[in-house]
N, C-alpha and C. Protein backbone atom coordinates (compact mmCIF):
# COMPACT_ATOMS: atom_id res chain seq x y z
N MET A 1 -60.25 35.26 1.62
CA MET A 1 -58.95 34.81 2.04
C MET A 1 -58.63 33.54 1.26
N CYS A 2 -57.40 33.42 0.84
CA CYS A 2 -56.96 32.25 0.08
C CYS A 2 -55.82 31.57 0.83
N VAL A 3 -55.90 30.25 0.97
CA VAL A 3 -54.87 29.46 1.64
C VAL A 3 -54.36 28.42 0.65
N SER A 4 -53.05 28.28 0.55
CA SER A 4 -52.45 27.26 -0.32
C SER A 4 -51.43 26.47 0.46
N ILE A 5 -51.44 25.15 0.28
CA ILE A 5 -50.41 24.26 0.82
C ILE A 5 -49.81 23.55 -0.37
N LEU A 6 -48.58 23.89 -0.69
CA LEU A 6 -47.93 23.35 -1.88
C LEU A 6 -46.97 22.24 -1.50
N GLY A 7 -47.01 21.15 -2.25
CA GLY A 7 -46.07 20.05 -2.04
C GLY A 7 -46.23 19.40 -0.68
N GLY A 8 -45.26 18.59 -0.35
CA GLY A 8 -45.26 17.94 0.96
C GLY A 8 -45.67 16.49 0.88
N ASP A 9 -45.33 15.76 1.92
CA ASP A 9 -45.65 14.34 2.01
C ASP A 9 -46.77 14.17 3.04
N HIS A 10 -47.98 14.60 2.68
CA HIS A 10 -49.13 14.53 3.57
C HIS A 10 -50.39 14.48 2.72
N ARG A 11 -51.55 14.38 3.36
CA ARG A 11 -52.81 14.23 2.64
C ARG A 11 -53.37 15.55 2.12
N LEU A 12 -52.73 16.68 2.42
CA LEU A 12 -53.21 17.98 1.95
C LEU A 12 -52.32 18.52 0.84
N ASN A 13 -51.75 17.62 0.06
CA ASN A 13 -50.82 17.99 -1.00
C ASN A 13 -51.50 18.89 -2.03
N ASN A 14 -50.90 20.06 -2.28
CA ASN A 14 -51.38 21.03 -3.25
C ASN A 14 -52.82 21.48 -2.99
N LEU A 15 -53.13 21.69 -1.73
CA LEU A 15 -54.45 22.21 -1.33
C LEU A 15 -54.52 23.70 -1.65
N LYS A 16 -55.62 24.11 -2.25
CA LYS A 16 -55.91 25.53 -2.44
C LYS A 16 -57.32 25.75 -1.93
N SER A 17 -57.45 26.64 -0.95
CA SER A 17 -58.72 26.90 -0.30
C SER A 17 -59.05 28.38 -0.38
N VAL A 18 -60.31 28.69 -0.65
CA VAL A 18 -60.77 30.08 -0.69
C VAL A 18 -61.91 30.21 0.31
N ILE A 19 -61.78 31.21 1.19
CA ILE A 19 -62.78 31.46 2.22
C ILE A 19 -63.43 32.81 1.93
N THR A 20 -64.77 32.82 1.87
CA THR A 20 -65.49 34.07 1.64
C THR A 20 -66.53 34.27 2.73
N LEU A 21 -66.84 35.53 3.01
CA LEU A 21 -67.86 35.89 4.00
C LEU A 21 -69.02 36.55 3.29
N HIS A 22 -70.24 36.19 3.70
CA HIS A 22 -71.45 36.74 3.09
C HIS A 22 -72.39 37.19 4.19
N GLU A 23 -72.66 38.49 4.24
CA GLU A 23 -73.56 39.02 5.25
C GLU A 23 -75.01 38.82 4.82
N ILE A 24 -75.84 38.39 5.74
CA ILE A 24 -77.25 38.12 5.45
C ILE A 24 -78.09 38.96 6.40
N SER A 25 -79.02 39.72 5.84
CA SER A 25 -79.95 40.49 6.65
C SER A 25 -81.18 39.64 6.88
N ASN A 26 -81.58 39.50 8.12
CA ASN A 26 -82.74 38.68 8.46
C ASN A 26 -84.01 39.50 8.59
N ASP A 27 -83.96 40.80 8.25
CA ASP A 27 -85.11 41.69 8.41
C ASP A 27 -86.30 41.28 7.54
N HIS A 28 -86.05 40.72 6.35
CA HIS A 28 -87.10 40.41 5.40
C HIS A 28 -87.70 39.01 5.55
N GLN A 29 -87.19 38.21 6.47
CA GLN A 29 -87.66 36.83 6.60
C GLN A 29 -88.87 36.76 7.51
N ASP A 30 -89.86 35.92 7.13
CA ASP A 30 -91.03 35.69 7.98
C ASP A 30 -90.66 34.81 9.16
N ASP A 31 -89.82 33.81 8.92
CA ASP A 31 -89.38 32.88 9.96
C ASP A 31 -88.11 33.44 10.60
N SER A 32 -88.18 33.79 11.87
CA SER A 32 -87.03 34.42 12.52
C SER A 32 -86.08 33.42 13.15
N SER A 33 -86.18 32.14 12.78
CA SER A 33 -85.31 31.12 13.37
C SER A 33 -83.85 31.32 13.01
N ASP A 34 -83.54 32.02 11.91
CA ASP A 34 -82.15 32.27 11.53
C ASP A 34 -81.61 33.57 12.11
N ASP A 35 -82.47 34.38 12.76
CA ASP A 35 -82.01 35.62 13.37
C ASP A 35 -81.11 35.32 14.55
N ASP A 36 -80.16 36.22 14.79
CA ASP A 36 -79.38 36.07 16.00
C ASP A 36 -80.23 36.52 17.18
N VAL A 37 -79.70 36.43 18.38
CA VAL A 37 -80.49 36.74 19.57
C VAL A 37 -80.94 38.20 19.60
N PHE A 38 -80.33 39.07 18.81
CA PHE A 38 -80.71 40.48 18.77
C PHE A 38 -81.55 40.81 17.55
N GLY A 39 -81.85 39.81 16.67
CA GLY A 39 -82.59 40.05 15.44
C GLY A 39 -81.77 40.77 14.39
N ASN A 40 -80.45 40.70 14.48
CA ASN A 40 -79.55 41.40 13.58
C ASN A 40 -79.13 40.53 12.41
N LYS A 41 -78.18 41.04 11.66
CA LYS A 41 -77.63 40.33 10.51
C LYS A 41 -76.74 39.18 10.97
N SER A 42 -76.58 38.21 10.10
CA SER A 42 -75.69 37.08 10.33
C SER A 42 -74.66 37.04 9.22
N THR A 43 -73.61 36.30 9.44
CA THR A 43 -72.58 36.11 8.42
C THR A 43 -72.44 34.63 8.12
N VAL A 44 -72.45 34.29 6.83
CA VAL A 44 -72.23 32.92 6.40
C VAL A 44 -70.80 32.85 5.87
N VAL A 45 -70.05 31.86 6.34
CA VAL A 45 -68.68 31.64 5.90
C VAL A 45 -68.69 30.45 4.96
N VAL A 46 -68.15 30.64 3.74
CA VAL A 46 -68.10 29.58 2.74
C VAL A 46 -66.63 29.28 2.45
N GLU A 47 -66.25 28.02 2.55
CA GLU A 47 -64.89 27.62 2.21
C GLU A 47 -64.96 26.58 1.10
N SER A 48 -64.28 26.87 0.00
CA SER A 48 -64.19 25.97 -1.15
C SER A 48 -62.74 25.57 -1.32
N TYR A 49 -62.50 24.35 -1.78
CA TYR A 49 -61.11 23.91 -1.94
C TYR A 49 -60.94 22.95 -3.10
N VAL A 50 -59.69 22.85 -3.52
CA VAL A 50 -59.24 21.85 -4.50
C VAL A 50 -57.99 21.24 -3.90
N VAL A 51 -57.85 19.93 -3.98
CA VAL A 51 -56.68 19.25 -3.42
C VAL A 51 -56.35 18.04 -4.29
N ASP A 52 -55.05 17.73 -4.39
CA ASP A 52 -54.64 16.52 -5.11
C ASP A 52 -55.02 15.30 -4.29
N ILE A 53 -55.36 14.23 -4.99
CA ILE A 53 -55.66 12.96 -4.32
C ILE A 53 -54.36 12.18 -4.19
N PRO A 54 -53.91 11.91 -2.95
CA PRO A 54 -52.64 11.20 -2.77
C PRO A 54 -52.71 9.76 -3.28
N ASP A 55 -51.57 9.23 -3.70
CA ASP A 55 -51.50 7.83 -4.10
C ASP A 55 -51.97 6.96 -2.94
N GLY A 56 -52.75 5.94 -3.25
CA GLY A 56 -53.24 5.03 -2.22
C GLY A 56 -54.53 5.48 -1.57
N ASN A 57 -55.04 6.66 -1.93
CA ASN A 57 -56.30 7.16 -1.39
C ASN A 57 -57.30 7.32 -2.51
N THR A 58 -58.58 7.24 -2.16
CA THR A 58 -59.63 7.48 -3.14
C THR A 58 -60.05 8.94 -3.04
N ALA A 59 -60.78 9.41 -4.04
CA ALA A 59 -61.32 10.77 -4.01
C ALA A 59 -62.23 10.95 -2.81
N GLU A 60 -63.03 9.94 -2.51
CA GLU A 60 -63.95 10.00 -1.37
C GLU A 60 -63.18 10.10 -0.05
N ASP A 61 -62.11 9.30 0.13
CA ASP A 61 -61.28 9.37 1.35
C ASP A 61 -60.71 10.77 1.54
N THR A 62 -60.20 11.33 0.47
CA THR A 62 -59.59 12.66 0.52
C THR A 62 -60.63 13.72 0.85
N ARG A 63 -61.79 13.65 0.20
CA ARG A 63 -62.86 14.62 0.45
C ARG A 63 -63.32 14.57 1.89
N VAL A 64 -63.54 13.38 2.42
CA VAL A 64 -63.99 13.24 3.81
C VAL A 64 -62.94 13.79 4.78
N PHE A 65 -61.67 13.51 4.52
CA PHE A 65 -60.58 13.99 5.38
C PHE A 65 -60.55 15.52 5.40
N VAL A 66 -60.55 16.15 4.22
CA VAL A 66 -60.47 17.61 4.15
C VAL A 66 -61.75 18.25 4.68
N ASP A 67 -62.91 17.69 4.36
CA ASP A 67 -64.17 18.22 4.88
C ASP A 67 -64.19 18.22 6.41
N THR A 68 -63.64 17.18 7.02
CA THR A 68 -63.59 17.10 8.48
C THR A 68 -62.73 18.21 9.06
N ILE A 69 -61.58 18.45 8.48
CA ILE A 69 -60.70 19.53 8.95
C ILE A 69 -61.39 20.88 8.80
N ILE A 70 -61.99 21.12 7.65
CA ILE A 70 -62.67 22.39 7.41
C ILE A 70 -63.84 22.57 8.36
N ARG A 71 -64.63 21.52 8.57
CA ARG A 71 -65.77 21.60 9.48
C ARG A 71 -65.32 21.98 10.89
N CYS A 72 -64.24 21.38 11.37
CA CYS A 72 -63.71 21.71 12.71
C CYS A 72 -63.26 23.17 12.76
N ASN A 73 -62.56 23.63 11.72
CA ASN A 73 -62.11 25.02 11.69
C ASN A 73 -63.28 26.00 11.66
N LEU A 74 -64.33 25.68 10.89
CA LEU A 74 -65.48 26.57 10.81
C LEU A 74 -66.28 26.58 12.11
N LYS A 75 -66.36 25.43 12.79
CA LYS A 75 -67.03 25.39 14.10
C LYS A 75 -66.28 26.27 15.10
N SER A 76 -64.96 26.18 15.09
CA SER A 76 -64.15 27.02 15.98
C SER A 76 -64.36 28.50 15.67
N LEU A 77 -64.35 28.85 14.39
CA LEU A 77 -64.58 30.23 13.98
C LEU A 77 -65.95 30.71 14.45
N GLY A 78 -66.97 29.88 14.29
CA GLY A 78 -68.32 30.24 14.74
C GLY A 78 -68.39 30.45 16.24
N SER A 79 -67.76 29.57 17.01
CA SER A 79 -67.76 29.69 18.48
C SER A 79 -67.06 30.96 18.93
N ILE A 80 -65.91 31.22 18.35
CA ILE A 80 -65.15 32.42 18.71
C ILE A 80 -65.94 33.68 18.34
N SER A 81 -66.55 33.68 17.16
CA SER A 81 -67.33 34.84 16.71
C SER A 81 -68.53 35.09 17.62
N GLU A 82 -69.23 34.02 18.02
CA GLU A 82 -70.37 34.17 18.91
C GLU A 82 -69.95 34.70 20.28
N LYS A 83 -68.82 34.22 20.80
CA LYS A 83 -68.32 34.72 22.08
C LYS A 83 -67.97 36.20 21.98
N MET A 84 -67.32 36.58 20.87
CA MET A 84 -66.97 37.99 20.68
C MET A 84 -68.23 38.85 20.57
N ALA A 85 -69.24 38.34 19.85
CA ALA A 85 -70.49 39.10 19.68
C ALA A 85 -71.21 39.25 21.01
N CYS A 86 -71.23 38.20 21.81
CA CYS A 86 -71.90 38.27 23.11
C CYS A 86 -71.17 39.21 24.06
N SER A 87 -69.84 39.18 24.05
CA SER A 87 -69.08 40.04 24.95
C SER A 87 -69.19 41.51 24.54
N SER A 88 -69.33 41.77 23.24
CA SER A 88 -69.45 43.16 22.80
C SER A 88 -70.89 43.66 22.87
N SER A 89 -71.86 42.75 23.04
CA SER A 89 -73.26 43.16 23.09
C SER A 89 -73.58 43.95 24.35
N SER A 90 -72.79 43.78 25.38
CA SER A 90 -73.05 44.53 26.60
C SER A 90 -72.71 46.00 26.43
N SER A 91 -71.82 46.34 25.48
CA SER A 91 -71.46 47.74 25.25
C SER A 91 -72.06 48.32 23.97
N SER A 92 -72.43 47.46 23.01
CA SER A 92 -73.05 47.92 21.75
C SER A 92 -73.76 46.77 21.08
N SER A 93 -74.56 47.06 20.06
CA SER A 93 -75.23 45.98 19.34
C SER A 93 -74.22 45.23 18.51
N SER A 94 -74.49 43.94 18.27
CA SER A 94 -73.54 43.11 17.53
C SER A 94 -74.28 42.13 16.66
N SER A 95 -73.53 41.43 15.83
CA SER A 95 -74.12 40.41 14.98
C SER A 95 -73.46 39.08 15.27
N SER A 96 -74.20 38.02 15.03
CA SER A 96 -73.74 36.67 15.27
C SER A 96 -73.18 36.09 13.99
N SER A 97 -72.46 34.99 14.10
CA SER A 97 -71.88 34.35 12.92
C SER A 97 -72.45 32.97 12.72
N SER A 98 -72.59 32.62 11.48
CA SER A 98 -72.94 31.27 11.08
C SER A 98 -71.83 30.79 10.18
N SER A 99 -71.71 29.49 10.05
CA SER A 99 -70.66 28.95 9.20
C SER A 99 -71.24 27.98 8.21
N SER A 100 -70.65 27.96 7.07
CA SER A 100 -71.03 27.03 6.03
C SER A 100 -69.78 26.64 5.30
N SER A 101 -69.73 25.38 4.91
CA SER A 101 -68.59 24.99 4.09
C SER A 101 -69.09 24.35 2.82
N SER A 102 -68.43 24.65 1.76
CA SER A 102 -68.73 24.06 0.47
C SER A 102 -67.39 23.64 -0.10
N SER A 103 -67.30 22.41 -0.54
CA SER A 103 -65.99 21.95 -0.94
C SER A 103 -66.05 21.02 -2.13
N SER A 104 -64.91 20.89 -2.78
CA SER A 104 -64.80 19.93 -3.86
C SER A 104 -63.38 19.40 -3.90
N SER A 105 -63.24 18.17 -4.29
CA SER A 105 -61.93 17.54 -4.38
C SER A 105 -61.66 17.23 -5.84
N SER A 106 -60.38 17.24 -6.25
CA SER A 106 -60.09 16.94 -7.64
C SER A 106 -60.63 15.55 -7.98
N SER A 107 -61.16 15.39 -9.15
CA SER A 107 -61.77 14.16 -9.65
C SER A 107 -63.12 13.86 -9.00
N SER A 108 -63.54 14.65 -8.05
CA SER A 108 -64.87 14.48 -7.48
C SER A 108 -65.29 15.81 -6.90
N SER A 109 -66.59 15.97 -6.71
CA SER A 109 -67.05 17.21 -6.09
C SER A 109 -68.12 16.89 -5.07
N SER A 110 -68.25 17.76 -4.12
CA SER A 110 -69.26 17.58 -3.09
C SER A 110 -69.67 18.94 -2.56
N SER A 111 -70.77 18.96 -1.89
CA SER A 111 -71.20 20.18 -1.24
C SER A 111 -71.56 19.83 0.18
N ASN A 112 -71.01 20.54 1.10
CA ASN A 112 -71.22 20.32 2.51
C ASN A 112 -71.65 21.62 3.13
N GLU A 113 -72.82 21.68 3.73
CA GLU A 113 -73.25 22.92 4.36
C GLU A 113 -73.60 22.65 5.80
N ASP A 114 -72.94 23.36 6.69
CA ASP A 114 -73.20 23.27 8.12
C ASP A 114 -73.40 24.67 8.64
N PHE A 115 -74.52 24.90 9.31
CA PHE A 115 -74.79 26.22 9.86
C PHE A 115 -74.70 26.13 11.37
N TYR A 116 -74.01 27.09 11.96
CA TYR A 116 -73.81 27.12 13.40
C TYR A 116 -74.31 28.42 13.95
């Protein structure tokens, strides 16, 4: 999924974000700490972005601001996915979700990974 915010008088000026999903099978791992409660597959969500740095802000300020918004969105997505998986587990097997964000800002880059 691709999200773009073009123009505007705000800190997300010309934001372009790409969200990808990656399914991970935990069957081959010796350490089952990443398995969901059913020992099934998990999904990692990766969000990458590019955004203009507004006048009066540093690259670091902009990166921290956007990373915070993305982290909150990914936490919400993870919570909703886990609730859906738990509610559907009573009628069929399901998989849990994990979230990860990876981001970069124009003139600077960073990597942020959070697993839920």
